[in-house]
PDB file of N, CA and C in Angstrom:
ATOM      1  N   MET A   1     102.169  99.203  92.394  1.00  0.00           N
ATOM      2  CA  MET A   1     101.766  97.923  92.904  1.00  0.00           C
ATOM      3  C   MET A   1     102.817  96.910  92.471  1.00  0.00           C
ATOM      4  N   LYS A   2     103.123  95.974  93.356  1.00  0.00           N
ATOM      5  CA  LYS A   2     104.080  94.919  93.052  1.00  0.00           C
ATOM      6  C   LYS A   2     103.456  93.566  93.333  1.00  0.00           C
ATOM      7  N   VAL A   3     103.742  92.626  92.451  1.00  0.00           N
ATOM      8  CA  VAL A   3     103.356  91.240  92.665  1.00  0.00           C
ATOM      9  C   VAL A   3     104.657  90.463  92.789  1.00  0.00           C
ATOM     10  N   ILE A   4     104.859  89.807  93.928  1.00  0.00           N
ATOM     11  CA  ILE A   4     106.077  89.050  94.184  1.00  0.00           C
ATOM     12  C   ILE A   4     105.707  87.576  94.242  1.00  0.00           C
ATOM     13  N   ILE A   5     106.384  86.772  93.430  1.00  0.00           N
ATOM     14  CA  ILE A   5     106.109  85.341  93.360  1.00  0.00           C
ATOM     15  C   ILE A   5     107.360  84.591  93.783  1.00  0.00           C
ATOM     16  N   ASP A   6     107.247  83.774  94.827  1.00  0.00           N
ATOM     17  CA  ASP A   6     108.333  82.904  95.275  1.00  0.00           C
ATOM     18  C   ASP A   6     108.002  81.491  94.834  1.00  0.00           C
ATOM     19  N   ALA A   7     108.860  80.920  93.988  1.00  0.00           N
ATOM     20  CA  ALA A   7     108.592  79.572  93.489  1.00  0.00           C
ATOM     21  C   ALA A   7     109.904  78.811  93.353  1.00  0.00           C
ATOM     22  N   GLU A   8     110.053  77.760  94.110  1.00  0.00           N
ATOM     23  CA  GLU A   8     111.172  76.830  94.015  1.00  0.00           C
ATOM     24  C   GLU A   8     112.526  77.529  93.844  1.00  0.00           C
ATOM     25  N   LYS A   9     112.957  78.210  94.854  1.00  0.00           N
ATOM     26  CA  LYS A   9     114.261  78.868  94.910  1.00  0.00           C
ATOM     27  C   LYS A   9     114.402  80.030  93.928  1.00  0.00           C
ATOM     28  N   LYS A  10     113.319  80.474  93.337  1.00  0.00           N
ATOM     29  CA  LYS A  10     113.345  81.633  92.447  1.00  0.00           C
ATOM     30  C   LYS A  10     112.337  82.649  92.952  1.00  0.00           C
ATOM     31  N   ARG A  11     112.657  83.898  92.733  1.00  0.00           N
ATOM     32  CA  ARG A  11     111.771  84.974  93.166  1.00  0.00           C
ATOM     33  C   ARG A  11     111.551  85.915  91.987  1.00  0.00           C
ATOM     34  N   PHE A  12     110.298  86.109  91.645  1.00  0.00           N
ATOM     35  CA  PHE A  12     109.935  86.998  90.552  1.00  0.00           C
ATOM     36  C   PHE A  12     109.193  88.195  91.124  1.00  0.00           C
ATOM     37  N   THR A  13     109.575  89.375  90.688  1.00  0.00           N
ATOM     38  CA  THR A  13     108.887  90.597  91.084  1.00  0.00           C
ATOM     39  C   THR A  13     108.322  91.245  89.830  1.00  0.00           C
ATOM     40  N   ILE A  14     107.022  91.453  89.835  1.00  0.00           N
ATOM     41  CA  ILE A  14     106.347  92.058  88.688  1.00  0.00           C
ATOM     42  C   ILE A  14     105.786  93.404  89.129  1.00  0.00           C
ATOM     43  N   PRO A  15     106.388  94.496  88.685  1.00  0.00           N
ATOM     44  CA  PRO A  15     105.833  95.804  89.033  1.00  0.00           C
ATOM     45  C   PRO A  15     104.646  96.137  88.126  1.00  0.00           C
ATOM     46  N   LEU A  16     103.589  96.648  88.715  1.00  0.00           N
ATOM     47  CA  LEU A  16     102.415  97.085  87.962  1.00  0.00           C
ATOM     48  C   LEU A  16     102.211  98.574  88.222  1.00  0.00           C
ATOM     49  N   PRO A  17     102.601  99.416  87.286  1.00  0.00           N
ATOM     50  CA  PRO A  17     102.395 100.855  87.484  1.00  0.00           C
ATOM     51  C   PRO A  17     100.903 101.198  87.519  1.00  0.00           C
ATOM     52  N   PHE A  18     100.593 102.288  88.178  1.00  0.00           N
ATOM     53  CA  PHE A  18      99.199 102.677  88.336  1.00  0.00           C
ATOM     54  C   PHE A  18      98.546 103.037  87.005  1.00  0.00           C
ATOM     55  N   PHE A  19      99.321 103.501  86.030  1.00  0.00           N
ATOM     56  CA  PHE A  19      98.699 103.834  84.751  1.00  0.00           C
ATOM     57  C   PHE A  19      98.191 102.574  84.048  1.00  0.00           C
ATOM     58  N   LEU A  20      98.832 101.421  84.282  1.00  0.00           N
ATOM     59  CA  LEU A  20      98.306 100.173  83.716  1.00  0.00           C
ATOM     60  C   LEU A  20      96.998  99.767  84.391  1.00  0.00           C
ATOM     61  N   LEU A  21      96.891 100.040  85.681  1.00  0.00           N
ATOM     62  CA  LEU A  21      95.627  99.766  86.372  1.00  0.00           C
ATOM     63  C   LEU A  21      94.509 100.663  85.845  1.00  0.00           C
ATOM     64  N   HIS A  22      94.848 101.911  85.532  1.00  0.00           N
ATOM     65  CA  HIS A  22      93.848 102.818  84.968  1.00  0.00           C
ATOM     66  C   HIS A  22      93.406 102.350  83.580  1.00  0.00           C
ATOM     67  N   ILE A  23      94.346 101.866  82.784  1.00  0.00           N
ATOM     68  CA  ILE A  23      94.000 101.355  81.453  1.00  0.00           C
ATOM     69  C   ILE A  23      93.133 100.108  81.573  1.00  0.00           C
ATOM     70  N   ALA A  24      93.481  99.219  82.503  1.00  0.00           N
ATOM     71  CA  ALA A  24      92.674  98.010  82.715  1.00  0.00           C
ATOM     72  C   ALA A  24      91.270  98.376  83.192  1.00  0.00           C
ATOM     73  N   GLY A  25      91.166  99.368  84.052  1.00  0.00           N
ATOM     74  CA  GLY A  25      89.856  99.828  84.501  1.00  0.00           C
ATOM     75  C   GLY A  25      89.037 100.408  83.364  1.00  0.00           C
ATOM     76  N   TRP A  26      89.693 101.114  82.459  1.00  0.00           N
ATOM     77  CA  TRP A  26      89.009 101.672  81.302  1.00  0.00           C
ATOM     78  C   TRP A  26      88.482 100.554  80.400  1.00  0.00           C
ATOM     79  N   ILE A  27      89.286  99.503  80.238  1.00  0.00           N
ATOM     80  CA  ILE A  27      88.896  98.402  79.347  1.00  0.00           C
ATOM     81  C   ILE A  27      87.717  97.618  79.916  1.00  0.00           C
ATOM     82  N   ILE A  28      87.741  97.312  81.213  1.00  0.00           N
ATOM     83  CA  ILE A  28      86.650  96.496  81.761  1.00  0.00           C
ATOM     84  C   ILE A  28      85.341  97.272  81.872  1.00  0.00           C
ATOM     85  N   CYS A  29      85.385  98.573  81.694  1.00  0.00           N
ATOM     86  CA  CYS A  29      84.151  99.366  81.700  1.00  0.00           C
ATOM     87  C   CYS A  29      83.482  99.402  80.329  1.00  0.00           C
ATOM     88  N   ARG A  30      84.109  98.863  79.325  1.00  0.00           N
ATOM     89  CA  ARG A  30      83.574  98.910  77.964  1.00  0.00           C
ATOM     90  C   ARG A  30      82.705  97.696  77.664  1.00  0.00           C
ATOM     91  N   LYS A  31      81.608  97.939  76.979  1.00  0.00           N
ATOM     92  CA  LYS A  31      80.698  96.844  76.626  1.00  0.00           C
ATOM     93  C   LYS A  31      81.328  95.912  75.602  1.00  0.00           C
ATOM     94  N   TRP A  32      82.134  96.435  74.689  1.00  0.00           N
ATOM     95  CA  TRP A  32      82.744  95.583  73.666  1.00  0.00           C
ATOM     96  C   TRP A  32      83.668  94.548  74.286  1.00  0.00           C
ATOM     97  N   PHE A  33      84.290  94.873  75.415  1.00  0.00           N
ATOM     98  CA  PHE A  33      85.157  93.907  76.088  1.00  0.00           C
ATOM     99  C   PHE A  33      84.349  92.710  76.576  1.00  0.00           C
ATOM    100  N   TRP A  34      83.200  92.968  77.183  1.00  0.00           N
ATOM    101  CA  TRP A  34      82.377  91.882  77.710  1.00  0.00           C
ATOM    102  C   TRP A  34      81.748  91.077  76.584  1.00  0.00           C
ATOM    103  N   LYS A  35      81.399  91.720  75.475  1.00  0.00           N
ATOM    104  CA  LYS A  35      80.895  90.978  74.317  1.00  0.00           C
ATOM    105  C   LYS A  35      81.979  90.074  73.750  1.00  0.00           C
ATOM    106  N   TRP A  36      83.184  90.604  73.653  1.00  0.00           N
ATOM    107  CA  TRP A  36      84.312  89.819  73.146  1.00  0.00           C
ATOM    108  C   TRP A  36      84.619  88.648  74.077  1.00  0.00           C
ATOM    109  N   LEU A  37      84.582  88.879  75.386  1.00  0.00           N
ATOM    110  CA  LEU A  37      84.855  87.835  76.365  1.00  0.00           C
ATOM    111  C   LEU A  37      83.806  86.730  76.298  1.00  0.00           C
ATOM    112  N   ASN A  38      82.549  87.102  76.142  1.00  0.00           N
ATOM    113  CA  ASN A  38      81.491  86.101  76.024  1.00  0.00           C
ATOM    114  C   ASN A  38      81.605  85.313  74.722  1.00  0.00           C
ATOM    115  N   LYS A  39      82.079  85.966  73.671  1.00  0.00           N
ATOM    116  CA  LYS A  39      82.241  85.271  72.399  1.00  0.00           C
ATOM    117  C   LYS A  39      83.399  84.271  72.466  1.00  0.00           C
ATOM    118  N   LYS A  40      84.460  84.615  73.180  1.00  0.00           N
ATOM    119  CA  LYS A  40      85.629  83.739  73.289  1.00  0.00           C
ATOM    120  C   LYS A  40      85.393  82.558  74.222  1.00  0.00           C
ATOM    121  N   SER A  41      84.637  82.758  75.281  1.00  0.00           N
ATOM    122  CA  SER A  41      84.370  81.666  76.218  1.00  0.00           C
ATOM    123  C   SER A  41      83.050  81.011  75.834  1.00  0.00           C
ATOM    124  N   LYS A  42      83.126  79.764  75.457  1.00  0.00           N
ATOM    125  CA  LYS A  42      81.944  79.079  74.941  1.00  0.00           C
ATOM    126  C   LYS A  42      81.062  78.514  76.048  1.00  0.00           C
ATOM    127  N   ASN A  43      81.655  78.106  77.169  1.00  0.00           N
ATOM    128  CA  ASN A  43      80.885  77.448  78.223  1.00  0.00           C
ATOM    129  C   ASN A  43      80.314  78.412  79.250  1.00  0.00           C
ATOM    130  N   ILE A  44      80.960  79.543  79.439  1.00  0.00           N
ATOM    131  CA  ILE A  44      80.565  80.472  80.496  1.00  0.00           C
ATOM    132  C   ILE A  44      80.152  81.794  79.861  1.00  0.00           C
ATOM    133  N   THR A  45      79.046  82.344  80.316  1.00  0.00           N
ATOM    134  CA  THR A  45      78.665  83.683  79.878  1.00  0.00           C
ATOM    135  C   THR A  45      78.828  84.632  81.058  1.00  0.00           C
ATOM    136  N   PHE A  46      79.530  85.694  80.817  1.00  0.00           N
ATOM    137  CA  PHE A  46      79.776  86.697  81.841  1.00  0.00           C
ATOM    138  C   PHE A  46      78.763  87.822  81.686  1.00  0.00           C
ATOM    139  N   PRO A  47      78.057  88.175  82.750  1.00  0.00           N
ATOM    140  CA  PRO A  47      77.124  89.302  82.638  1.00  0.00           C
ATOM    141  C   PRO A  47      77.897  90.613  82.554  1.00  0.00           C
ATOM    142  N   THR A  48      77.353  91.553  81.832  1.00  0.00           N
ATOM    143  CA  THR A  48      77.988  92.859  81.716  1.00  0.00           C
ATOM    144  C   THR A  48      77.777  93.621  83.017  1.00  0.00           C
ATOM    145  N   PRO A  49      78.857  93.948  83.716  1.00  0.00           N
ATOM    146  CA  PRO A  49      78.683  94.663  84.987  1.00  0.00           C
ATOM    147  C   PRO A  49      78.275  96.111  84.747  1.00  0.00           C
ATOM    148  N   MET A  50      77.606  96.659  85.712  1.00  0.00           N
ATOM    149  CA  MET A  50      77.175  98.047  85.618  1.00  0.00           C
ATOM    150  C   MET A  50      78.281  98.956  86.158  1.00  0.00           C
ATOM    151  N   LEU A  51      79.375  99.005  85.442  1.00  0.00           N
ATOM    152  CA  LEU A  51      80.504  99.842  85.824  1.00  0.00           C
ATOM    153  C   LEU A  51      80.641 100.974  84.827  1.00  0.00           C
ATOM    154  N   ASP A  52      81.051 102.096  85.308  1.00  0.00           N
ATOM    155  CA  ASP A  52      81.398 103.182  84.411  1.00  0.00           C
ATOM    156  C   ASP A  52      82.702 103.807  84.898  1.00  0.00           C
ATOM    157  N   LYS A  53      83.275 104.613  84.060  1.00  0.00           N
ATOM    158  CA  LYS A  53      84.582 105.177  84.370  1.00  0.00           C
ATOM    159  C   LYS A  53      84.528 106.085  85.600  1.00  0.00           C
ATOM    160  N   GLN A  54      83.401 106.742  85.818  1.00  0.00           N
ATOM    161  CA  GLN A  54      83.280 107.630  86.971  1.00  0.00           C
ATOM    162  C   GLN A  54      83.279 106.845  88.283  1.00  0.00           C
ATOM    163  N   THR A  55      82.928 105.573  88.243  1.00  0.00           N
ATOM    164  CA  THR A  55      82.954 104.741  89.443  1.00  0.00           C
ATOM    165  C   THR A  55      84.351 104.196  89.703  1.00  0.00           C
ATOM    166  N   ILE A  56      85.026 103.766  88.663  1.00  0.00           N
ATOM    167  CA  ILE A  56      86.336 103.132  88.790  1.00  0.00           C
ATOM    168  C   ILE A  56      87.446 104.152  89.047  1.00  0.00           C
ATOM    169  N   GLN A  57      87.360 105.316  88.443  1.00  0.00           N
ATOM    170  CA  GLN A  57      88.425 106.325  88.538  1.00  0.00           C
ATOM    171  C   GLN A  57      88.751 106.722  89.977  1.00  0.00           C
ATOM    172  N   PRO A  58      87.779 107.088  90.820  1.00  0.00           N
ATOM    173  CA  PRO A  58      88.130 107.451  92.203  1.00  0.00           C
ATOM    174  C   PRO A  58      88.685 106.272  92.999  1.00  0.00           C
ATOM    175  N   LEU A  59      88.202 105.088  92.698  1.00  0.00           N
ATOM    176  CA  LEU A  59      88.688 103.900  93.392  1.00  0.00           C
ATOM    177  C   LEU A  59      90.170 103.671  93.102  1.00  0.00           C
ATOM    178  N   LEU A  60      90.545 103.739  91.838  1.00  0.00           N
ATOM    179  CA  LEU A  60      91.946 103.539  91.472  1.00  0.00           C
ATOM    180  C   LEU A  60      92.826 104.691  91.949  1.00  0.00           C
ATOM    181  N   SER A  61      92.290 105.887  91.952  1.00  0.00           N
ATOM    182  CA  SER A  61      93.068 107.034  92.425  1.00  0.00           C
ATOM    183  C   SER A  61      93.327 106.959  93.926  1.00  0.00           C
ATOM    184  N   SER A  62      92.391 106.411  94.675  1.00  0.00           N
ATOM    185  CA  SER A  62      92.574 106.330  96.123  1.00  0.00           C
ATOM    186  C   SER A  62      93.579 105.250  96.520  1.00  0.00           C
ATOM    187  N   LEU A  63      93.901 104.328  95.625  1.00  0.00           N
ATOM    188  CA  LEU A  63      94.892 103.297  95.945  1.00  0.00           C
ATOM    189  C   LEU A  63      96.278 103.890  96.187  1.00  0.00           C
ATOM    190  N   LYS A  64      96.572 105.016  95.564  1.00  0.00           N
ATOM    191  CA  LYS A  64      97.884 105.648  95.737  1.00  0.00           C
ATOM    192  C   LYS A  64      98.116 106.097  97.179  1.00  0.00           C
ATOM    193  N   GLU A  65      97.054 106.404  97.893  1.00  0.00           N
ATOM    194  CA  GLU A  65      97.186 106.863  99.274  1.00  0.00           C
ATOM    195  C   GLU A  65      97.632 105.747 100.215  1.00  0.00           C
ATOM    196  N   TYR A  66      97.381 104.506  99.843  1.00  0.00           N
ATOM    197  CA  TYR A  66      97.682 103.369 100.706  1.00  0.00           C
ATOM    198  C   TYR A  66      98.893 102.590 100.222  1.00  0.00           C
ATOM    199  N   LYS A  67      99.858 103.277  99.677  1.00  0.00           N
ATOM    200  CA  LYS A  67     101.049 102.637  99.132  1.00  0.00           C
ATOM    201  C   LYS A  67     101.825 101.929 100.243  1.00  0.00           C
ATOM    202  N   GLY A  68     102.216 100.684  99.973  1.00  0.00           N
ATOM    203  CA  GLY A  68     102.987  99.911 100.929  1.00  0.00           C
ATOM    204  C   GLY A  68     102.182  98.865 101.679  1.00  0.00           C
ATOM    205  N   ILE A  69     100.870  98.901 101.561  1.00  0.00           N
ATOM    206  CA  ILE A  69     100.019  97.939 102.261  1.00  0.00           C
ATOM    207  C   ILE A  69     100.043  96.608 101.516  1.00  0.00           C
ATOM    208  N   THR A  70     100.159  95.522 102.256  1.00  0.00           N
ATOM    209  CA  THR A  70     100.138  94.186 101.667  1.00  0.00           C
ATOM    210  C   THR A  70      98.691  93.729 101.551  1.00  0.00           C
ATOM    211  N   LEU A  71      98.260  93.447 100.320  1.00  0.00           N
ATOM    212  CA  LEU A  71      96.891  93.006 100.085  1.00  0.00           C
ATOM    213  C   LEU A  71      96.755  91.494 100.213  1.00  0.00           C
ATOM    214  N   VAL A  72      97.727  90.765  99.656  1.00  0.00           N
ATOM    215  CA  VAL A  72      97.686  89.304  99.673  1.00  0.00           C
ATOM    216  C   VAL A  72      99.065  88.799 100.069  1.00  0.00           C
ATOM    217  N   ASP A  73      99.112  87.848 100.993  1.00  0.00           N
ATOM    218  CA  ASP A  73     100.364  87.210 101.393  1.00  0.00           C
ATOM    219  C   ASP A  73     100.061  85.739 101.653  1.00  0.00           C
ATOM    220  N   ILE A  74     100.337  84.914 100.658  1.00  0.00           N
ATOM    221  CA  ILE A  74     100.002  83.489 100.732  1.00  0.00           C
ATOM    222  C   ILE A  74     101.270  82.668 100.548  1.00  0.00           C
ATOM    223  N   LYS A  75     101.481  81.692 101.428  1.00  0.00           N
ATOM    224  CA  LYS A  75     102.601  80.765 101.294  1.00  0.00           C
ATOM    225  C   LYS A  75     102.110  79.365 101.601  1.00  0.00           C
ATOM    226  N   ASP A  76     102.651  78.383 100.884  1.00  0.00           N
ATOM    227  CA  ASP A  76     102.272  77.005 101.160  1.00  0.00           C
ATOM    228  C   ASP A  76     103.386  76.297 101.920  1.00  0.00           C
ATOM    229  N   LYS A  77     103.225  75.008 102.148  1.00  0.00           N
ATOM    230  CA  LYS A  77     104.187  74.247 102.942  1.00  0.00           C
ATOM    231  C   LYS A  77     105.557  74.160 102.280  1.00  0.00           C
ATOM    232  N   ASP A  78     105.588  74.194 100.964  1.00  0.00           N
ATOM    233  CA  ASP A  78     106.852  74.078 100.237  1.00  0.00           C
ATOM    234  C   ASP A  78     107.647  75.377 100.206  1.00  0.00           C
ATOM    235  N   GLY A  79     107.064  76.456 100.635  1.00  0.00           N
ATOM    236  CA  GLY A  79     107.745  77.739 100.617  1.00  0.00           C
ATOM    237  C   GLY A  79     107.376  78.594  99.420  1.00  0.00           C
ATOM    238  N   ASN A  80     106.548  78.082  98.530  1.00  0.00           N
ATOM    239  CA  ASN A  80     106.081  78.870  97.395  1.00  0.00           C
ATOM    240  C   ASN A  80     105.032  79.855  97.888  1.00  0.00           C
ATOM    241  N   GLY A  81     105.001  81.024  97.279  1.00  0.00           N
ATOM    242  CA  GLY A  81     104.032  81.997  97.744  1.00  0.00           C
ATOM    243  C   GLY A  81     103.852  83.154  96.794  1.00  0.00           C
ATOM    244  N   VAL A  82     102.839  83.943  97.090  1.00  0.00           N
ATOM    245  CA  VAL A  82     102.519  85.138  96.313  1.00  0.00           C
ATOM    246  C   VAL A  82     102.255  86.275  97.288  1.00  0.00           C
ATOM    247  N   ILE A  83     102.845  87.426  96.997  1.00  0.00           N
ATOM    248  CA  ILE A  83     102.617  88.628  97.790  1.00  0.00           C
ATOM    249  C   ILE A  83     102.190  89.731  96.830  1.00  0.00           C
ATOM    250  N   VAL A  84     101.074  90.374  97.138  1.00  0.00           N
ATOM    251  CA  VAL A  84     100.614  91.524  96.359  1.00  0.00           C
ATOM    252  C   VAL A  84     100.653  92.719  97.290  1.00  0.00           C
ATOM    253  N   ARG A  85     101.464  93.697  96.923  1.00  0.00           N
ATOM    254  CA  ARG A  85     101.676  94.869  97.768  1.00  0.00           C
ATOM    255  C   ARG A  85     101.438  96.129  96.951  1.00  0.00           C
ATOM    256  N   LEU A  86     100.739  97.080  97.547  1.00  0.00           N
ATOM    257  CA  LEU A  86     100.512  98.363  96.868  1.00  0.00           C
ATOM    258  C   LEU A  86     101.769  99.189  96.881  1.00  0.00           C
TER     259      LEU A  86
END
């Protein structure tokens, strides 16, 4: 996955390997993460989602099949923009 940011005559490309997405999926499935997040944010309480690794794993694995698809392509009047591509 790539995140491309165009901002004021500069272009940043941030590659996100799939193993980082798998690690992020593992983290958001943990209850301690949501407890920690609720403790850090004083004004907002986030409900613990009913996610488990068996739900997230096939979803992240199927993303590899759609490599090259543009998920987000946003540009404003100034020419700044963000592109998220698998």
